[in-house]
Every structure is written in C-alpha cells, then in structure tokens.
Amino acid sequence: MKKKKEATEGTTAELDQALYGLHEDKYILRLFITGSTTKSVLALTNLKKICEEYLDGRYDLEVIDLYQNPGLAIKEQIVAAPTLIKKLPLPFRRIIGDMSDIEKVLTGLEIKKL
C-alpha cells in the first residue's frame, strides 16, 4: 500500500504544478520587421528587454522579416513595420513602432508593472 500512496502523492504534486502553470499566462508574440533597418533593430532590442524584465521567461517571441516573407504582411494585415502582434493571452493586440515607449508597450500587452 505504501507504493500506491507514493504514486498518488507524485501524481498530486504533478497536478498541482500543472494547475499552477495555468495561472501564469504565456505570451505568444510575433514581431514583424523589415530587414535590419534601424527601427527594426531598435524594436527587437527594446522588445527583448521588456520581455526579459516583465515576462520572466513566460513568452515565445517569433521575429518575422517581411522582406523574406512578404505574403505574411497580407495574411496578418500588417500595414506598418515594425509591428508587434500579441496572439495570447487574449485579447489580441497590435503595437506599431520601435517599442521605445515602454508604457505604451506594457499597456498594449496588458502587463502590470512590478
């Protein structure tokens, strides 16, 4: 019987850890840039700093160069670059610019300052 109890305790701990993970929203972000222009590089640099400081590893960032994938501009309805799209957590958001206005980016991503 001891073995069953140990197995149950392990399962409960795993379940608790999984439930804890549900409370931490993972951010799915896509940054659309145009090559290595000044604004594109600045947007990427600023966004990485913001994510590292405020999201603490709870994000996936995909960088898409519209010069290499022009069809995605139409598909994602990108009208300016750089553009950041927050896919998750909902609601869906778009932020346009070089991400230098930290307050604007935090508001757009709905991130509360610590």
N, C-alpha and C. Protein backbone atom coordinates (compact mmCIF):
# COMPACT_ATOMS: atom_id res chain seq x y z
N MET A 1 0.81 -1.21 0.00
CA MET A 1 0.00 0.00 0.00
C MET A 1 0.85 1.27 0.00
N LYS A 2 2.01 1.19 0.59
CA LYS A 2 2.87 2.37 0.60
C LYS A 2 3.20 2.83 -0.81
N LYS A 3 3.44 1.88 -1.69
CA LYS A 3 3.81 2.25 -3.06
C LYS A 3 2.67 2.99 -3.75
N LYS A 4 1.44 2.56 -3.52
CA LYS A 4 0.30 3.25 -4.13
C LYS A 4 0.20 4.68 -3.61
N LYS A 5 0.41 4.84 -2.32
CA LYS A 5 0.33 6.16 -1.73
C LYS A 5 1.40 7.08 -2.31
N GLU A 6 2.61 6.58 -2.46
CA GLU A 6 3.70 7.37 -3.03
C GLU A 6 3.37 7.76 -4.47
N ALA A 7 2.83 6.84 -5.22
CA ALA A 7 2.47 7.13 -6.61
C ALA A 7 1.39 8.20 -6.66
N THR A 8 0.42 8.12 -5.77
CA THR A 8 -0.65 9.10 -5.72
C THR A 8 -0.10 10.47 -5.34
N GLU A 9 0.80 10.52 -4.38
CA GLU A 9 1.39 11.79 -3.98
C GLU A 9 2.16 12.42 -5.12
N GLY A 10 2.90 11.62 -5.87
CA GLY A 10 3.63 12.14 -7.02
C GLY A 10 2.69 12.71 -8.06
N THR A 11 1.59 12.03 -8.29
CA THR A 11 0.60 12.50 -9.26
C THR A 11 -0.03 13.80 -8.79
N THR A 12 -0.33 13.90 -7.52
CA THR A 12 -0.92 15.12 -6.97
C THR A 12 0.04 16.29 -7.11
N ALA A 13 1.31 16.06 -6.84
CA ALA A 13 2.31 17.12 -6.97
C ALA A 13 2.40 17.58 -8.42
N GLU A 14 2.38 16.63 -9.35
CA GLU A 14 2.43 16.99 -10.76
C GLU A 14 1.20 17.78 -11.17
N LEU A 15 0.04 17.39 -10.66
CA LEU A 15 -1.20 18.09 -10.96
C LEU A 15 -1.16 19.51 -10.41
N ASP A 16 -0.69 19.64 -9.18
CA ASP A 16 -0.57 20.97 -8.57
C ASP A 16 0.34 21.87 -9.40
N GLN A 17 1.45 21.31 -9.86
CA GLN A 17 2.39 22.08 -10.67
C GLN A 17 1.75 22.49 -12.00
N ALA A 18 1.01 21.58 -12.61
CA ALA A 18 0.33 21.89 -13.88
C ALA A 18 -0.72 22.98 -13.68
N LEU A 19 -1.48 22.90 -12.59
CA LEU A 19 -2.50 23.91 -12.31
C LEU A 19 -1.85 25.26 -12.03
N TYR A 20 -0.73 25.26 -11.34
CA TYR A 20 0.00 26.50 -11.09
C TYR A 20 0.41 27.14 -12.41
N GLY A 21 0.83 26.32 -13.35
CA GLY A 21 1.25 26.82 -14.65
C GLY A 21 0.11 27.46 -15.42
N LEU A 22 -1.13 27.02 -15.17
CA LEU A 22 -2.28 27.60 -15.85
C LEU A 22 -2.51 29.05 -15.42
N HIS A 23 -2.12 29.38 -14.21
CA HIS A 23 -2.32 30.73 -13.72
C HIS A 23 -1.32 31.72 -14.30
N GLU A 24 -0.21 31.22 -14.77
CA GLU A 24 0.78 32.07 -15.39
C GLU A 24 0.54 32.09 -16.89
N ASP A 25 0.09 33.23 -17.39
CA ASP A 25 -0.18 33.33 -18.82
C ASP A 25 1.12 33.34 -19.60
N LYS A 26 1.16 32.55 -20.64
CA LYS A 26 2.31 32.54 -21.54
C LYS A 26 1.96 33.48 -22.69
N TYR A 27 2.84 34.39 -22.98
CA TYR A 27 2.62 35.36 -24.05
C TYR A 27 3.17 34.81 -25.36
N ILE A 28 2.35 34.81 -26.37
CA ILE A 28 2.75 34.42 -27.73
C ILE A 28 2.81 35.71 -28.53
N LEU A 29 4.02 36.09 -28.92
CA LEU A 29 4.25 37.37 -29.60
C LEU A 29 4.88 37.15 -30.96
N ARG A 30 4.48 37.98 -31.92
CA ARG A 30 5.09 37.96 -33.26
C ARG A 30 5.49 39.39 -33.60
N LEU A 31 6.77 39.58 -33.87
CA LEU A 31 7.27 40.90 -34.24
C LEU A 31 7.59 40.89 -35.73
N PHE A 32 6.91 41.75 -36.47
CA PHE A 32 7.12 41.89 -37.91
C PHE A 32 8.08 43.05 -38.15
N ILE A 33 9.18 42.77 -38.81
CA ILE A 33 10.19 43.78 -39.08
C ILE A 33 10.50 43.82 -40.58
N THR A 34 11.27 44.81 -40.98
CA THR A 34 11.69 44.92 -42.38
C THR A 34 13.21 44.92 -42.43
N GLY A 35 13.77 43.75 -42.51
CA GLY A 35 15.22 43.60 -42.60
C GLY A 35 15.93 44.08 -41.35
N SER A 36 17.11 44.64 -41.56
CA SER A 36 17.90 45.12 -40.42
C SER A 36 17.95 46.65 -40.41
N THR A 37 16.80 47.25 -40.68
CA THR A 37 16.71 48.71 -40.62
C THR A 37 16.88 49.16 -39.16
N THR A 38 17.17 50.43 -39.00
CA THR A 38 17.37 50.98 -37.66
C THR A 38 16.16 50.75 -36.77
N LYS A 39 14.97 51.03 -37.29
CA LYS A 39 13.75 50.85 -36.49
C LYS A 39 13.50 49.39 -36.15
N SER A 40 13.78 48.50 -37.09
CA SER A 40 13.57 47.08 -36.84
C SER A 40 14.50 46.56 -35.75
N VAL A 41 15.77 46.93 -35.84
CA VAL A 41 16.74 46.50 -34.83
C VAL A 41 16.39 47.09 -33.47
N LEU A 42 16.00 48.35 -33.45
CA LEU A 42 15.62 49.01 -32.20
C LEU A 42 14.38 48.35 -31.59
N ALA A 43 13.40 48.04 -32.43
CA ALA A 43 12.18 47.39 -31.94
C ALA A 43 12.50 46.04 -31.31
N LEU A 44 13.32 45.26 -31.97
CA LEU A 44 13.70 43.94 -31.45
C LEU A 44 14.47 44.06 -30.14
N THR A 45 15.42 44.97 -30.09
CA THR A 45 16.21 45.18 -28.88
C THR A 45 15.33 45.62 -27.71
N ASN A 46 14.48 46.61 -27.96
CA ASN A 46 13.59 47.12 -26.91
C ASN A 46 12.62 46.05 -26.44
N LEU A 47 12.06 45.30 -27.38
CA LEU A 47 11.08 44.28 -27.01
C LEU A 47 11.72 43.17 -26.19
N LYS A 48 12.92 42.76 -26.56
CA LYS A 48 13.61 41.73 -25.78
C LYS A 48 13.86 42.19 -24.35
N LYS A 49 14.26 43.44 -24.18
CA LYS A 49 14.49 43.98 -22.84
C LYS A 49 13.20 43.97 -22.03
N ILE A 50 12.11 44.40 -22.64
CA ILE A 50 10.81 44.43 -21.95
C ILE A 50 10.39 43.02 -21.56
N CYS A 51 10.50 42.09 -22.49
CA CYS A 51 10.09 40.71 -22.21
C CYS A 51 10.93 40.09 -21.09
N GLU A 52 12.23 40.32 -21.13
CA GLU A 52 13.10 39.75 -20.11
C GLU A 52 12.81 40.36 -18.74
N GLU A 53 12.49 41.64 -18.71
CA GLU A 53 12.25 42.29 -17.43
C GLU A 53 10.87 42.01 -16.86
N TYR A 54 9.84 42.00 -17.71
CA TYR A 54 8.47 41.92 -17.21
C TYR A 54 7.80 40.56 -17.39
N LEU A 55 8.28 39.73 -18.28
CA LEU A 55 7.62 38.45 -18.53
C LEU A 55 8.41 37.25 -18.00
N ASP A 56 9.64 37.44 -17.63
CA ASP A 56 10.44 36.44 -16.93
C ASP A 56 10.32 35.04 -17.53
N GLY A 57 10.59 34.93 -18.83
CA GLY A 57 10.57 33.62 -19.48
C GLY A 57 9.19 33.09 -19.83
N ARG A 58 8.16 33.86 -19.61
CA ARG A 58 6.79 33.42 -19.91
C ARG A 58 6.33 33.91 -21.27
N TYR A 59 7.22 33.85 -22.24
CA TYR A 59 6.85 34.34 -23.56
C TYR A 59 7.55 33.54 -24.65
N ASP A 60 6.90 33.51 -25.81
CA ASP A 60 7.50 32.99 -27.04
C ASP A 60 7.47 34.15 -28.03
N LEU A 61 8.64 34.50 -28.54
CA LEU A 61 8.74 35.61 -29.48
C LEU A 61 9.21 35.08 -30.82
N GLU A 62 8.40 35.33 -31.84
CA GLU A 62 8.75 34.96 -33.21
C GLU A 62 9.00 36.25 -33.98
N VAL A 63 10.16 36.35 -34.59
CA VAL A 63 10.51 37.53 -35.37
C VAL A 63 10.37 37.18 -36.85
N ILE A 64 9.59 37.97 -37.56
CA ILE A 64 9.31 37.70 -38.97
C ILE A 64 9.78 38.88 -39.81
N ASP A 65 10.68 38.61 -40.72
CA ASP A 65 11.19 39.63 -41.63
C ASP A 65 10.28 39.67 -42.86
N LEU A 66 9.61 40.77 -43.04
CA LEU A 66 8.66 40.89 -44.15
C LEU A 66 9.35 40.92 -45.51
N TYR A 67 10.63 41.24 -45.54
CA TYR A 67 11.37 41.15 -46.80
C TYR A 67 11.52 39.70 -47.24
N GLN A 68 11.66 38.80 -46.28
CA GLN A 68 11.80 37.38 -46.58
C GLN A 68 10.46 36.67 -46.71
N ASN A 69 9.43 37.20 -46.06
CA ASN A 69 8.09 36.59 -46.09
C ASN A 69 7.04 37.65 -46.39
N PRO A 70 7.04 38.24 -47.58
CA PRO A 70 6.10 39.33 -47.87
C PRO A 70 4.63 38.91 -47.83
N GLY A 71 4.37 37.65 -48.09
CA GLY A 71 2.98 37.17 -48.06
C GLY A 71 2.35 37.26 -46.69
N LEU A 72 3.16 37.20 -45.65
CA LEU A 72 2.63 37.28 -44.28
C LEU A 72 2.09 38.68 -43.97
N ALA A 73 2.60 39.69 -44.65
CA ALA A 73 2.10 41.05 -44.44
C ALA A 73 0.62 41.13 -44.82
N ILE A 74 0.28 40.49 -45.92
CA ILE A 74 -1.12 40.47 -46.36
C ILE A 74 -1.95 39.59 -45.43
N LYS A 75 -1.45 38.41 -45.16
CA LYS A 75 -2.19 37.46 -44.32
C LYS A 75 -2.48 38.03 -42.93
N GLU A 76 -1.48 38.70 -42.33
CA GLU A 76 -1.63 39.24 -40.97
C GLU A 76 -2.10 40.69 -40.97
N GLN A 77 -2.37 41.24 -42.14
CA GLN A 77 -2.84 42.61 -42.31
C GLN A 77 -1.89 43.63 -41.67
N ILE A 78 -0.62 43.48 -42.00
CA ILE A 78 0.40 44.40 -41.50
C ILE A 78 0.47 45.60 -42.44
N VAL A 79 0.26 46.78 -41.90
CA VAL A 79 0.29 47.99 -42.72
C VAL A 79 1.52 48.85 -42.44
N ALA A 80 2.23 48.56 -41.36
CA ALA A 80 3.44 49.29 -41.00
C ALA A 80 4.39 48.34 -40.28
N ALA A 81 5.65 48.65 -40.35
CA ALA A 81 6.64 47.83 -39.65
C ALA A 81 7.62 48.75 -38.94
N PRO A 82 8.06 48.38 -37.79
CA PRO A 82 7.79 47.15 -37.05
C PRO A 82 6.39 47.15 -36.43
N THR A 83 5.79 45.96 -36.39
CA THR A 83 4.51 45.73 -35.74
C THR A 83 4.63 44.51 -34.86
N LEU A 84 4.16 44.65 -33.63
CA LEU A 84 4.12 43.54 -32.69
C LEU A 84 2.68 43.07 -32.58
N ILE A 85 2.48 41.76 -32.70
CA ILE A 85 1.15 41.19 -32.50
C ILE A 85 1.20 40.28 -31.28
N LYS A 86 0.29 40.53 -30.36
CA LYS A 86 0.13 39.66 -29.19
C LYS A 86 -1.00 38.70 -29.51
N LYS A 87 -0.65 37.43 -29.73
CA LYS A 87 -1.65 36.40 -30.04
C LYS A 87 -2.32 35.90 -28.76
N LEU A 88 -1.52 35.61 -27.76
CA LEU A 88 -2.01 35.13 -26.47
C LEU A 88 -1.24 35.82 -25.37
N PRO A 89 -1.81 36.01 -24.21
CA PRO A 89 -3.20 35.75 -23.86
C PRO A 89 -4.13 36.76 -24.53
N LEU A 90 -5.36 36.33 -24.71
CA LEU A 90 -6.35 37.21 -25.31
C LEU A 90 -6.60 38.39 -24.40
N PRO A 91 -6.99 39.52 -24.88
CA PRO A 91 -7.37 39.83 -26.24
C PRO A 91 -6.16 40.08 -27.14
N PHE A 92 -6.37 39.83 -28.40
CA PHE A 92 -5.41 40.06 -29.47
C PHE A 92 -5.06 41.54 -29.51
N ARG A 93 -3.78 41.87 -29.63
CA ARG A 93 -3.35 43.27 -29.68
C ARG A 93 -2.28 43.49 -30.74
N ARG A 94 -2.22 44.73 -31.27
CA ARG A 94 -1.17 45.15 -32.19
C ARG A 94 -0.52 46.40 -31.64
N ILE A 95 0.80 46.43 -31.73
CA ILE A 95 1.55 47.61 -31.31
C ILE A 95 2.50 47.94 -32.46
N ILE A 96 2.44 49.18 -32.92
CA ILE A 96 3.27 49.61 -34.05
C ILE A 96 4.33 50.57 -33.55
N GLY A 97 5.56 50.39 -34.03
CA GLY A 97 6.63 51.31 -33.68
C GLY A 97 7.88 50.58 -33.22
N ASP A 98 8.82 51.35 -32.70
CA ASP A 98 10.12 50.78 -32.31
C ASP A 98 10.15 50.26 -30.87
N MET A 99 9.04 50.23 -30.21
CA MET A 99 8.87 49.69 -28.85
C MET A 99 9.69 50.46 -27.82
N SER A 100 10.03 51.71 -28.13
CA SER A 100 10.81 52.51 -27.19
C SER A 100 9.95 53.13 -26.09
N ASP A 101 8.66 53.27 -26.33
CA ASP A 101 7.75 53.79 -25.31
C ASP A 101 7.29 52.61 -24.45
N ILE A 102 8.01 52.37 -23.37
CA ILE A 102 7.78 51.19 -22.54
C ILE A 102 6.36 51.18 -21.99
N GLU A 103 5.86 52.33 -21.55
CA GLU A 103 4.49 52.40 -21.01
C GLU A 103 3.47 51.95 -22.06
N LYS A 104 3.66 52.39 -23.29
CA LYS A 104 2.75 52.03 -24.38
C LYS A 104 2.79 50.52 -24.62
N VAL A 105 3.98 49.94 -24.63
CA VAL A 105 4.12 48.51 -24.87
C VAL A 105 3.51 47.71 -23.71
N LEU A 106 3.79 48.11 -22.48
CA LEU A 106 3.22 47.41 -21.32
C LEU A 106 1.70 47.49 -21.31
N THR A 107 1.18 48.66 -21.66
CA THR A 107 -0.27 48.81 -21.74
C THR A 107 -0.85 47.95 -22.84
N GLY A 108 -0.21 47.95 -23.99
CA GLY A 108 -0.68 47.16 -25.12
C GLY A 108 -0.65 45.66 -24.84
N LEU A 109 0.37 45.23 -24.12
CA LEU A 109 0.48 43.80 -23.77
C LEU A 109 -0.31 43.45 -22.51
N GLU A 110 -0.87 44.48 -21.88
CA GLU A 110 -1.61 44.32 -20.62
C GLU A 110 -0.75 43.68 -19.54
N ILE A 111 0.45 44.24 -19.40
CA ILE A 111 1.39 43.79 -18.37
C ILE A 111 1.40 44.83 -17.28
N LYS A 112 1.24 44.37 -16.06
CA LYS A 112 1.29 45.28 -14.92
C LYS A 112 2.73 45.41 -14.45
N LYS A 113 3.13 46.61 -14.11
CA LYS A 113 4.47 46.81 -13.58
C LYS A 113 4.58 46.18 -12.21
N LEU A 114 5.77 45.66 -11.91
CA LEU A 114 6.01 45.06 -10.59
C LEU A 114 6.29 46.12 -9.57
